[in-house]
Amino acid sequence: MAEYQGVVHTKSREIMSAWYDRLAAAAKNGTPSACIMISGNCVEILRSFDIEPVFPEVNALQLAIRKQSLPLILKAEEMGYSSDNCAYVKADAGYTFGEGGPSDGKIPVPNFLVCNFVGCNVYIKWFEHSAAFLGVPLVMIDVPFLHPDGKPTEGDVRYVVAQLRKLIETCEKVTGKKFDIDRLREICALSARAGAGWARAKELCQNTPAPFDAYFDSINMMGPINVLRGTKDAADFFDAAVKEYEEMVAAKKGPLAQEKFRIVVEGPPPYPYYRQFRDLFAAWGAVAVQSTYSTVGGIWEWGFRHDPKRPLESIAELMLVNNLCNRSLLQRYEQIKRYVEEWKADALVIHSVKSCRLFSAGQGDMRDYFANQLGVPTLLVESDLEDPRYYAQAMMKNRIDAFFESLEHRKLLRRA
């Protein structure tokens, strides 16, 4: 079943390809670059020094979509990485420490790495190993974890800001430039504009039909909001996305010919089989109206914006509480509950990722909570976001078909 392909898809590929071109150019001309993480990142600071950001997670994702991840994962396992280590880590390790990696001229050898540790302690060792192998400095940013009320304390913000100032000192040494707070304010204003557009696009999915799939199509927008945030390209992209989606809402058009089921999805997709996985849902007319995975880099739909008047403090606040990965399981429950209620979803789908403990830990209890305590029809399926060995198409199809058959029968009974 063909999905709607509009300006958003084309523009996303265009600006993300331009970013990869800049990375390739940086590998040749020596433009300063730094590796950084997606979750709750502080990319605005790098941009204020014209340092090209490199995202190893995005590189691993691209390898999986291109079905190039397995040989690299096996290479990492030969080097000693465990079979149950994060497959993102192993794919990147096989790439970076193997025969390709930065030496192939597509990705620059970074001048330093920024480990903005948010939620997943596996990432600490990932970046420590990369820094040691590449022989470059590592800047570690410790972000306090778990805020029961969802609000950071003033002390938490000061603690992270102090570390951001240390990062600024590193950027000054690498580039020879002095920190320009006004430049950072301009960049944060662009981030705020992109965040507002992303929030508005998601809000439009409360309409029936939703103008885009907030899980599968969100991948086209997670690049601009996470990787290109703080640039005019990203801000302009979301302006165009909102315009297109508002027009689709007015015309009552969605990504599929017919929206039969509205779902919320928890967990990353299986990138090596991304198309096949999407088709299993599209065949039932199922459209994701919200997803938790789209918030790993930041949660904008409930009001957070970068503040040009408080640039460092607002960057710290994103890192502390305004992203999925630094939230407790109970806060994730509440997030999903709001999505189901406010986006009027028929069901919750949990994709449990075998090699990602951050997402998969507690998802069995999550299924029971939503299915049994809240009465939300819930499907849990398991594979992996990067490792193709854990994806079984026939088994996945049987589980999904059985679930939607049951959901369809349930709808028919309600109409009777």
Protein backbone atom coordinates (compact mmCIF):
# COMPACT_ATOMS: atom_id res chain seq x y z
CA MET A 1 0.00 0.00 0.00
CA ALA A 2 1.64 3.25 -1.12
CA GLU A 3 1.93 6.08 1.38
CA TYR A 4 1.58 9.74 0.61
CA GLN A 5 4.90 11.28 -0.41
CA GLY A 6 4.97 15.06 -0.20
CA VAL A 7 7.26 18.04 0.09
CA VAL A 8 8.27 17.08 3.64
CA HIS A 9 9.85 13.79 2.56
CA THR A 10 11.72 15.40 -0.32
CA LYS A 11 12.97 18.37 1.69
CA SER A 12 14.09 16.19 4.59
CA ARG A 13 16.22 14.02 2.31
CA GLU A 14 17.60 17.15 0.67
CA ILE A 15 18.79 18.90 3.82
CA MET A 16 20.05 15.71 5.47
CA SER A 17 22.03 14.85 2.32
CA ALA A 18 23.53 18.34 2.44
CA TRP A 19 24.62 17.66 6.03
CA TYR A 20 26.37 14.46 4.94
CA ASP A 21 28.04 16.42 2.15
CA ARG A 22 29.33 18.88 4.75
CA LEU A 23 30.72 16.00 6.80
CA ALA A 24 32.52 14.62 3.74
CA ALA A 25 33.91 18.10 3.02
CA ALA A 26 35.03 18.43 6.64
CA ALA A 27 36.88 15.12 6.33
CA LYS A 28 38.85 16.61 3.43
CA ASN A 29 39.39 20.24 4.42
CA GLY A 30 39.86 19.88 8.17
CA THR A 31 36.77 21.81 9.31
CA PRO A 32 36.46 21.20 13.09
CA SER A 33 33.97 18.48 13.99
CA ALA A 34 32.78 16.73 17.14
CA CYS A 35 30.79 13.58 17.85
CA ILE A 36 27.70 14.10 19.98
CA MET A 37 24.63 12.11 21.00
CA ILE A 38 21.03 12.56 19.91
CA SER A 39 19.25 12.39 23.27
CA GLY A 40 18.89 15.79 24.88
CA ASN A 41 21.93 17.14 23.11
CA CYS A 42 23.62 20.54 23.27
CA VAL A 43 24.33 20.85 19.54
CA GLU A 44 23.61 24.60 19.68
CA ILE A 45 26.93 25.16 21.44
CA LEU A 46 28.86 23.37 18.70
CA ARG A 47 27.05 25.39 16.05
CA SER A 48 27.99 28.65 17.75
CA PHE A 49 31.63 27.75 16.97
CA ASP A 50 30.92 26.43 13.44
CA ILE A 51 31.87 22.92 14.58
CA GLU A 52 30.24 20.25 12.41
CA PRO A 53 28.29 17.79 14.60
CA VAL A 54 28.72 14.07 13.92
CA PHE A 55 26.05 11.73 15.29
CA PRO A 56 27.26 8.10 15.53
CA GLU A 57 23.66 6.96 16.20
CA VAL A 58 22.53 8.44 12.88
CA ASN A 59 25.44 6.79 11.10
CA ALA A 60 24.47 3.44 12.64
CA LEU A 61 20.84 4.00 11.63
CA GLN A 62 21.85 4.68 8.02
CA LEU A 63 23.97 1.54 7.94
CA ALA A 64 20.97 -0.50 9.11
CA ILE A 65 18.58 0.98 6.54
CA ARG A 66 21.13 0.22 3.82
CA LYS A 67 21.37 -3.36 5.17
CA GLN A 68 25.09 -2.92 5.87
CA SER A 69 24.97 -3.32 9.65
CA LEU A 70 25.38 -7.07 10.20
CA PRO A 71 29.02 -7.46 9.03
CA LEU A 72 29.95 -4.51 11.24
CA ILE A 73 28.09 -5.96 14.23
CA LEU A 74 29.90 -9.27 13.74
CA LYS A 75 33.20 -7.39 13.52
CA ALA A 76 32.49 -5.71 16.86
CA GLU A 77 31.58 -9.05 18.44
CA GLU A 78 34.89 -10.49 17.19
CA MET A 79 36.58 -7.57 18.95
CA GLY A 80 34.93 -8.55 22.23
CA TYR A 81 31.61 -6.71 22.32
CA SER A 82 28.90 -8.90 23.85
CA SER A 83 26.06 -10.31 21.76
CA ASP A 84 23.58 -8.39 23.95
CA ASN A 85 25.37 -5.04 23.74
CA CYS A 86 23.48 -2.20 22.05
CA ALA A 87 23.49 -2.94 18.32
CA TYR A 88 23.89 0.77 17.56
CA VAL A 89 27.15 0.67 19.51
CA LYS A 90 28.36 -2.47 17.77
CA ALA A 91 27.52 -1.27 14.27
CA ASP A 92 29.34 2.00 14.90
CA ALA A 93 32.26 0.22 16.57
CA GLY A 94 32.61 -2.13 13.60
CA TYR A 95 32.51 0.88 11.29
CA THR A 96 34.78 3.21 13.28
CA PHE A 97 37.32 0.64 14.44
CA GLY A 98 37.23 -1.44 11.29
CA GLU A 99 38.50 -0.93 7.78
CA GLY A 100 36.00 1.80 6.89
CA GLY A 101 35.02 4.40 9.41
CA PRO A 102 36.41 7.92 9.43
CA SER A 103 39.30 6.82 7.23
CA ASP A 104 36.96 6.29 4.27
CA GLY A 105 36.57 10.05 3.82
CA LYS A 106 32.79 10.15 4.32
CA ILE A 107 32.86 11.01 8.03
CA PRO A 108 35.57 13.24 9.51
CA VAL A 109 37.80 12.14 12.35
CA PRO A 110 36.34 14.33 15.12
CA ASN A 111 38.47 16.83 16.99
CA PHE A 112 36.76 15.68 20.19
CA LEU A 113 33.73 13.78 21.44
CA VAL A 114 30.88 15.07 23.63
CA CYS A 115 29.27 12.39 25.77
CA ASN A 116 26.07 14.13 26.86
CA PHE A 117 25.15 11.17 29.06
CA VAL A 118 21.34 11.03 29.16
CA GLY A 119 19.75 7.84 30.42
CA CYS A 120 21.87 5.12 28.79
CA ASN A 121 25.14 4.26 30.55
CA VAL A 122 26.20 2.02 27.63
CA TYR A 123 26.85 5.23 25.73
CA ILE A 124 29.56 6.23 28.19
CA LYS A 125 31.69 3.21 27.27
CA TRP A 126 30.84 3.69 23.59
CA PHE A 127 32.27 7.19 23.57
CA GLU A 128 35.18 6.27 25.85
CA HIS A 129 36.19 3.50 23.43
CA SER A 130 35.80 5.81 20.42
CA ALA A 131 37.88 8.56 22.02
CA ALA A 132 40.64 6.09 22.91
CA PHE A 133 40.68 4.50 19.45
CA LEU A 134 40.61 7.81 17.58
CA GLY A 135 43.06 9.46 19.98
CA VAL A 136 40.94 12.55 20.61
CA PRO A 137 39.68 14.23 23.81
CA LEU A 138 36.38 13.25 25.42
CA VAL A 139 34.14 15.83 27.08
CA MET A 140 31.84 14.10 29.56
CA ILE A 141 28.66 15.91 30.59
CA ASP A 142 26.94 14.35 33.59
CA VAL A 143 23.19 14.96 33.51
CA PRO A 144 21.29 14.18 36.74
CA PHE A 145 18.69 11.46 36.20
CA LEU A 146 15.09 11.02 37.33
CA HIS A 147 12.93 13.98 38.29
CA PRO A 148 9.72 12.61 39.84
CA ASP A 149 7.77 15.83 39.25
CA GLY A 150 9.23 16.38 35.80
CA LYS A 151 10.94 19.62 36.82
CA PRO A 152 14.68 20.17 37.35
CA THR A 153 15.86 21.98 40.43
CA GLU A 154 17.81 25.24 40.16
CA GLY A 155 20.82 23.31 41.43
CA ASP A 156 20.47 20.76 38.64
CA VAL A 157 20.39 23.51 36.02
CA ARG A 158 23.44 25.23 37.51
CA TYR A 159 25.29 21.90 37.63
CA VAL A 160 24.72 21.22 33.92
CA VAL A 161 25.38 24.83 32.88
CA ALA A 162 28.76 24.70 34.65
CA GLN A 163 29.65 21.69 32.50
CA LEU A 164 28.42 23.44 29.36
CA ARG A 165 30.85 26.24 30.16
CA LYS A 166 33.65 23.67 30.27
CA LEU A 167 32.50 22.44 26.85
CA ILE A 168 32.65 26.02 25.61
CA GLU A 169 36.28 26.22 26.78
CA THR A 170 37.08 23.10 24.76
CA CYS A 171 35.39 24.57 21.69
CA GLU A 172 37.44 27.76 22.10
CA LYS A 173 40.69 25.76 22.23
CA VAL A 174 39.80 23.64 19.20
CA THR A 175 38.64 26.50 16.98
CA GLY A 176 40.66 29.44 18.29
CA LYS A 177 37.41 31.43 18.47
CA LYS A 178 36.02 33.25 21.49
CA PHE A 179 32.55 32.31 22.67
CA ASP A 180 29.88 34.67 21.30
CA ILE A 181 26.76 34.63 23.46
CA ASP A 182 24.82 36.64 20.87
CA ARG A 183 25.56 34.03 18.21
CA LEU A 184 24.29 31.34 20.58
CA ARG A 185 21.12 33.36 21.17
CA GLU A 186 20.47 33.49 17.41
CA ILE A 187 20.98 29.75 17.13
CA CYS A 188 18.65 29.08 20.08
CA ALA A 189 16.01 31.25 18.40
CA LEU A 190 16.22 29.02 15.32
CA SER A 191 15.97 25.96 17.58
CA ALA A 192 12.87 27.40 19.22
CA ARG A 193 11.30 28.04 15.82
CA ALA A 194 11.99 24.47 14.70
CA GLY A 195 10.65 23.12 18.01
CA ALA A 196 7.44 25.11 17.61
CA GLY A 197 6.97 23.75 14.09
CA TRP A 198 7.59 20.18 15.19
CA ALA A 199 5.09 20.59 18.04
CA ARG A 200 2.48 22.02 15.68
CA ALA A 201 2.98 19.18 13.18
CA LYS A 202 2.39 16.64 15.93
CA GLU A 203 -0.65 18.55 17.18
CA LEU A 204 -2.17 18.27 13.70
CA CYS A 205 -2.15 14.48 14.10
CA GLN A 206 -5.00 14.90 16.58
CA ASN A 207 -7.18 15.36 13.51
CA THR A 208 -8.85 12.46 11.70
CA PRO A 209 -7.26 11.45 9.45
CA ALA A 210 -3.82 12.36 10.76
CA PRO A 211 -1.84 14.16 8.03
CA PHE A 212 1.25 11.99 8.54
CA ASP A 213 2.32 8.87 10.38
CA ALA A 214 3.86 10.10 13.64
CA TYR A 215 6.07 7.01 13.90
CA PHE A 216 7.23 6.05 10.42
CA ASP A 217 7.03 9.51 8.82
CA SER A 218 8.52 11.05 11.96
CA ILE A 219 11.87 9.60 10.92
CA ASN A 220 11.91 12.21 8.15
CA MET A 221 11.52 14.94 10.77
CA MET A 222 13.72 13.58 13.54
CA GLY A 223 16.79 14.34 11.40
CA PRO A 224 16.00 18.05 11.08
CA ILE A 225 14.92 18.48 14.74
CA ASN A 226 17.78 16.51 16.28
CA VAL A 227 20.68 16.77 13.83
CA LEU A 228 20.06 20.12 12.13
CA ARG A 229 18.44 21.96 15.04
CA GLY A 230 19.75 25.49 15.37
CA THR A 231 20.02 26.01 11.61
CA LYS A 232 17.85 28.03 9.26
CA ASP A 233 17.42 24.88 7.16
CA ALA A 234 15.70 23.11 10.04
CA ALA A 235 13.51 26.08 10.97
CA ASP A 236 12.44 26.59 7.34
CA PHE A 237 11.80 22.86 6.97
CA PHE A 238 9.30 22.82 9.82
CA ASP A 239 7.56 25.94 8.51
CA ALA A 240 7.06 24.09 5.21
CA ALA A 241 5.99 20.90 6.99
CA VAL A 242 3.32 22.70 9.02
CA LYS A 243 1.99 24.43 5.90
CA GLU A 244 1.74 21.14 4.02
CA TYR A 245 0.11 19.29 6.91
CA GLU A 246 -2.39 22.05 7.61
CA GLU A 247 -3.43 21.87 3.96
CA MET A 248 -3.80 18.09 4.25
CA VAL A 249 -5.95 18.45 7.38
CA ALA A 250 -8.20 20.94 5.58
CA ALA A 251 -8.51 18.53 2.65
CA LYS A 252 -9.00 15.55 5.02
CA LYS A 253 -6.03 13.72 3.52
CA GLY A 254 -3.73 11.31 5.34
CA PRO A 255 -0.66 9.18 4.57
CA LEU A 256 -2.86 6.20 3.60
CA ALA A 257 -5.90 5.99 1.36
CA GLN A 258 -7.97 5.16 4.46
CA GLU A 259 -7.18 5.55 8.14
CA LYS A 260 -8.91 2.61 9.86
CA PHE A 261 -6.93 2.44 13.11
CA ARG A 262 -5.12 5.10 15.13
CA ILE A 263 -2.17 3.79 17.13
CA VAL A 264 0.50 5.07 19.50
CA VAL A 265 3.89 3.36 19.13
CA GLU A 266 6.52 2.83 21.81
CA GLY A 267 10.11 1.95 20.87
CA PRO A 268 12.38 2.45 17.83
CA PRO A 269 11.62 0.70 14.52
CA PRO A 270 13.60 -2.26 13.12
CA TYR A 271 15.67 -0.26 10.64
CA PRO A 272 17.04 -3.23 8.61
CA TYR A 273 13.41 -4.12 7.80
CA TYR A 274 11.90 -0.68 8.04
CA ARG A 275 9.80 -0.90 4.86
CA GLN A 276 8.52 -4.42 5.58
CA PHE A 277 7.60 -3.44 9.14
CA ARG A 278 5.72 -0.36 7.98
CA ASP A 279 3.82 -2.32 5.36
CA LEU A 280 2.49 -4.72 8.01
CA PHE A 281 0.65 -1.82 9.64
CA ALA A 282 -0.28 -0.01 6.42
CA ALA A 283 -2.02 -3.17 5.20
CA TRP A 284 -4.51 -2.73 8.05
CA GLY A 285 -4.95 1.00 7.55
CA ALA A 286 -3.13 1.64 10.83
CA VAL A 287 -1.60 5.10 11.24
CA ALA A 288 0.54 6.12 14.20
CA VAL A 289 -0.79 9.39 15.57
CA GLN A 290 1.97 9.65 18.20
CA SER A 291 5.15 7.84 19.22
CA THR A 292 7.64 7.92 22.05
CA TYR A 293 10.61 7.31 19.77
CA SER A 294 10.07 10.66 18.10
CA THR A 295 10.83 12.30 21.47
CA VAL A 296 14.25 10.75 22.20
CA GLY A 297 15.94 14.00 21.20
CA GLY A 298 13.44 16.28 22.89
CA ILE A 299 9.80 16.69 23.84
CA TRP A 300 8.43 19.88 22.30
CA GLU A 301 4.70 19.15 22.13
CA TRP A 302 4.09 20.21 25.74
CA GLY A 303 5.65 23.63 25.59
CA PHE A 304 9.43 23.38 25.89
CA ARG A 305 11.35 25.85 23.72
CA HIS A 306 14.96 26.95 23.68
CA ASP A 307 15.07 30.44 25.17
CA PRO A 308 17.41 32.99 23.51
CA LYS A 309 17.25 35.04 26.73
CA ARG A 310 18.51 32.05 28.74
CA PRO A 311 20.44 30.05 26.16
CA LEU A 312 22.64 27.91 28.41
CA GLU A 313 19.92 27.36 30.99
CA SER A 314 17.35 26.27 28.40
CA ILE A 315 19.87 23.90 26.78
CA ALA A 316 20.43 22.40 30.24
CA GLU A 317 16.66 22.04 30.74
CA LEU A 318 16.35 20.09 27.48
CA MET A 319 19.09 17.75 28.65
CA LEU A 320 17.58 17.32 32.12
CA VAL A 321 13.89 16.63 31.63
CA ASN A 322 12.63 17.53 28.16
CA ASN A 323 13.59 14.32 26.42
CA LEU A 324 12.32 10.75 26.63
CA CYS A 325 15.58 9.11 27.69
CA ASN A 326 15.98 10.97 30.97
CA ARG A 327 12.49 10.11 32.23
CA SER A 328 11.40 7.34 34.60
CA LEU A 329 9.15 4.48 33.57
CA LEU A 330 6.20 6.08 35.37
CA GLN A 331 6.78 9.32 33.46
CA ARG A 332 6.87 7.31 30.22
CA TYR A 333 3.57 5.70 31.24
CA GLU A 334 2.04 9.13 31.74
CA GLN A 335 3.43 10.35 28.41
CA ILE A 336 1.90 7.40 26.55
CA LYS A 337 -1.39 7.76 28.43
CA ARG A 338 -1.65 11.39 27.33
CA TYR A 339 -0.87 10.39 23.77
CA VAL A 340 -3.60 7.72 23.76
CA GLU A 341 -6.17 10.10 25.25
CA GLU A 342 -5.33 13.41 23.54
CA TRP A 343 -4.62 11.90 20.12
CA LYS A 344 -7.66 9.57 20.38
CA ALA A 345 -5.77 6.35 19.68
CA ASP A 346 -7.41 2.94 19.32
CA ALA A 347 -4.40 0.97 20.54
CA LEU A 348 -0.81 0.96 21.77
CA VAL A 349 1.92 -0.93 19.91
CA ILE A 350 5.16 -1.66 21.76
CA HIS A 351 8.19 -2.61 19.69
CA SER A 352 10.61 -4.11 22.19
CA VAL A 353 14.22 -3.82 21.04
CA LYS A 354 16.35 -6.77 22.10
CA SER A 355 19.65 -4.89 22.31
CA CYS A 356 18.30 -1.68 23.88
CA ARG A 357 17.74 -2.03 27.61
CA LEU A 358 16.71 1.60 27.98
CA PHE A 359 13.59 1.04 25.90
CA SER A 360 12.87 -2.63 26.53
CA ALA A 361 13.30 -2.81 30.32
CA GLY A 362 9.85 -2.82 31.90
CA GLN A 363 7.89 -3.03 28.64
CA GLY A 364 6.19 -6.26 29.74
CA ASP A 365 4.82 -4.41 32.76
CA MET A 366 3.94 -1.51 30.46
CA ARG A 367 1.85 -3.82 28.28
CA ASP A 368 0.04 -5.20 31.31
CA TYR A 369 -0.60 -1.74 32.72
CA PHE A 370 -2.16 -0.35 29.55
CA ALA A 371 -4.03 -3.52 28.57
CA ASN A 372 -5.32 -4.62 31.96
CA GLN A 373 -5.51 -1.49 34.09
CA LEU A 374 -6.39 1.13 31.47
CA GLY A 375 -8.18 -1.11 28.99
CA VAL A 376 -6.09 0.03 26.02
CA PRO A 377 -5.63 -2.77 23.43
CA THR A 378 -1.86 -3.34 23.46
CA LEU A 379 0.42 -5.32 21.17
CA LEU A 380 4.02 -6.15 22.10
CA VAL A 381 6.38 -7.39 19.38
CA GLU A 382 10.14 -7.89 19.59
CA SER A 383 13.06 -7.58 17.20
CA ASP A 384 15.94 -5.12 17.05
CA LEU A 385 16.59 -1.63 15.75
CA GLU A 386 19.91 -2.53 14.07
CA ASP A 387 20.63 -6.28 14.14
CA PRO A 388 18.76 -8.14 11.35
CA ARG A 389 19.24 -11.51 13.07
CA TYR A 390 16.40 -10.76 15.47
CA TYR A 391 13.70 -9.94 12.90
CA ALA A 392 11.34 -12.73 11.78
CA GLN A 393 8.93 -11.42 9.13
CA ALA A 394 6.47 -14.32 9.22
CA MET A 395 6.19 -14.29 13.00
CA MET A 396 5.86 -10.52 13.04
CA LYS A 397 3.11 -10.63 10.42
CA ASN A 398 1.17 -13.28 12.32
CA ARG A 399 1.28 -11.25 15.55
CA ILE A 400 0.27 -8.00 13.89
CA ASP A 401 -2.48 -9.57 11.77
CA ALA A 402 -3.98 -11.36 14.79
CA PHE A 403 -3.94 -8.15 16.81
CA PHE A 404 -5.69 -6.04 14.18
CA GLU A 405 -8.20 -8.79 13.42
CA SER A 406 -9.11 -8.70 17.11
CA LEU A 407 -9.21 -4.91 17.08
CA GLU A 408 -11.44 -4.91 14.00
CA HIS A 409 -13.80 -7.41 15.63
CA ARG A 410 -13.90 -5.25 18.74
CA LYS A 411 -14.91 -2.23 16.65
CA LEU A 412 -17.64 -4.22 14.93
CA LEU A 413 -19.09 -5.31 18.28
CA ARG A 414 -19.19 -1.70 19.43
CA ARG A 415 -21.17 -0.68 16.35
CA ALA A 416 -23.64 -3.53 16.77
